[in-house]
Amino acid sequence: MAGGSHPSGFNPHLPGFRYQVLSKLLGASMWFFILYRAREDGPKLLGLRHPWEGHGHHDEHSESH
């Protein structure tokens, strides 16, 4: 509807090329971040794993800290 004629007289401008590219870049980075966090913290949020179980590394810690 942007760029077309509207019966009420509201005629919005089309966004510039720079803003179209910037909005797609920011939108894609937002979704990449959301999906990354879902992969990392999804089981904890869904109750499939406890938050205190760690990140999966099983190295032995020395008792002489």
C-alpha atoms as a PDB file:
ATOM      1  CA  MET A   1       0.000   0.000   0.000  1.00  0.00           C
ATOM      2  CA  ALA A   2       3.001   2.288   0.316  1.00  0.00           C
ATOM      3  CA  GLY A   3       3.200   4.563  -2.666  1.00  0.00           C
ATOM      4  CA  GLY A   4      -0.415   3.984  -3.722  1.00  0.00           C
ATOM      5  CA  SER A   5      -3.267   6.423  -3.411  1.00  0.00           C
ATOM      6  CA  HIS A   6      -5.402   6.158  -0.293  1.00  0.00           C
ATOM      7  CA  PRO A   7      -8.977   7.474  -0.149  1.00  0.00           C
ATOM      8  CA  SER A   8      -8.281   9.557   2.966  1.00  0.00           C
ATOM      9  CA  GLY A   9      -5.443  11.417   1.276  1.00  0.00           C
ATOM     10  CA  PHE A  10      -2.693   9.649   3.248  1.00  0.00           C
ATOM     11  CA  ASN A  11       0.141   8.975   0.803  1.00  0.00           C
ATOM     12  CA  PRO A  12       3.235   7.574   2.577  1.00  0.00           C
ATOM     13  CA  HIS A  13       6.670   7.695   0.970  1.00  0.00           C
ATOM     14  CA  LEU A  14       8.524   4.540   0.008  1.00  0.00           C
ATOM     15  CA  PRO A  15      11.549   3.976   2.262  1.00  0.00           C
ATOM     16  CA  GLY A  16      14.956   4.581   0.750  1.00  0.00           C
ATOM     17  CA  PHE A  17      17.147   1.700  -0.392  1.00  0.00           C
ATOM     18  CA  ARG A  18      19.557   2.235   2.511  1.00  0.00           C
ATOM     19  CA  TYR A  19      16.737   1.896   5.064  1.00  0.00           C
ATOM     20  CA  GLN A  20      15.349  -1.218   3.394  1.00  0.00           C
ATOM     21  CA  VAL A  21      18.753  -2.917   3.570  1.00  0.00           C
ATOM     22  CA  LEU A  22      19.334  -1.741   7.145  1.00  0.00           C
ATOM     23  CA  SER A  23      15.931  -3.012   8.293  1.00  0.00           C
ATOM     24  CA  LYS A  24      16.540  -6.447   6.729  1.00  0.00           C
ATOM     25  CA  LEU A  25      20.004  -6.621   8.305  1.00  0.00           C
ATOM     26  CA  LEU A  26      18.719  -5.693  11.757  1.00  0.00           C
ATOM     27  CA  GLY A  27      15.741  -8.059  11.447  1.00  0.00           C
ATOM     28  CA  ALA A  28      17.951 -10.958  10.380  1.00  0.00           C
ATOM     29  CA  SER A  29      20.439 -10.331  13.199  1.00  0.00           C
ATOM     30  CA  MET A  30      17.549 -10.226  15.699  1.00  0.00           C
ATOM     31  CA  TRP A  31      16.260 -13.620  14.532  1.00  0.00           C
ATOM     32  CA  PHE A  32      19.756 -15.140  14.485  1.00  0.00           C
ATOM     33  CA  PHE A  33      20.238 -13.999  18.089  1.00  0.00           C
ATOM     34  CA  ILE A  34      16.827 -15.292  19.182  1.00  0.00           C
ATOM     35  CA  LEU A  35      17.431 -18.695  17.582  1.00  0.00           C
ATOM     36  CA  TYR A  36      20.947 -18.873  19.032  1.00  0.00           C
ATOM     37  CA  ARG A  37      19.630 -18.170  22.543  1.00  0.00           C
ATOM     38  CA  ALA A  38      16.833 -20.708  22.033  1.00  0.00           C
ATOM     39  CA  ARG A  39      19.436 -23.322  21.106  1.00  0.00           C
ATOM     40  CA  GLU A  40      21.542 -22.486  24.168  1.00  0.00           C
ATOM     41  CA  ASP A  41      18.805 -21.922  26.783  1.00  0.00           C
ATOM     42  CA  GLY A  42      15.756 -23.628  25.272  1.00  0.00           C
ATOM     43  CA  PRO A  43      15.910 -26.833  27.319  1.00  0.00           C
ATOM     44  CA  LYS A  44      16.249 -24.785  30.517  1.00  0.00           C
ATOM     45  CA  LEU A  45      13.254 -22.632  29.652  1.00  0.00           C
ATOM     46  CA  LEU A  46      11.133 -25.658  28.740  1.00  0.00           C
ATOM     47  CA  GLY A  47      12.079 -27.495  31.935  1.00  0.00           C
ATOM     48  CA  LEU A  48      13.992 -30.267  30.180  1.00  0.00           C
ATOM     49  CA  ARG A  49      17.245 -29.421  31.968  1.00  0.00           C
ATOM     50  CA  HIS A  50      18.034 -27.687  35.243  1.00  0.00           C
ATOM     51  CA  PRO A  51      19.927 -24.361  35.069  1.00  0.00           C
ATOM     52  CA  TRP A  52      22.489 -25.521  37.646  1.00  0.00           C
ATOM     53  CA  GLU A  53      23.553 -28.572  35.637  1.00  0.00           C
ATOM     54  CA  GLY A  54      26.215 -26.586  33.822  1.00  0.00           C
ATOM     55  CA  HIS A  55      27.115 -26.343  30.185  1.00  0.00           C
ATOM     56  CA  GLY A  56      27.994 -29.945  29.505  1.00  0.00           C
ATOM     57  CA  HIS A  57      31.730 -29.900  30.294  1.00  0.00           C
ATOM     58  CA  HIS A  58      32.736 -32.687  32.630  1.00  0.00           C
ATOM     59  CA  ASP A  59      36.299 -31.827  33.590  1.00  0.00           C
ATOM     60  CA  GLU A  60      37.452 -32.518  37.114  1.00  0.00           C
ATOM     61  CA  HIS A  61      37.949 -29.482  39.320  1.00  0.00           C
ATOM     62  CA  SER A  62      40.692 -29.664  41.894  1.00  0.00           C
ATOM     63  CA  GLU A  63      39.754 -29.224  45.538  1.00  0.00           C
ATOM     64  CA  SER A  64      42.753 -26.959  46.250  1.00  0.00           C
ATOM     65  CA  HIS A  65      41.260 -23.650  45.108  1.00  0.00           C
END
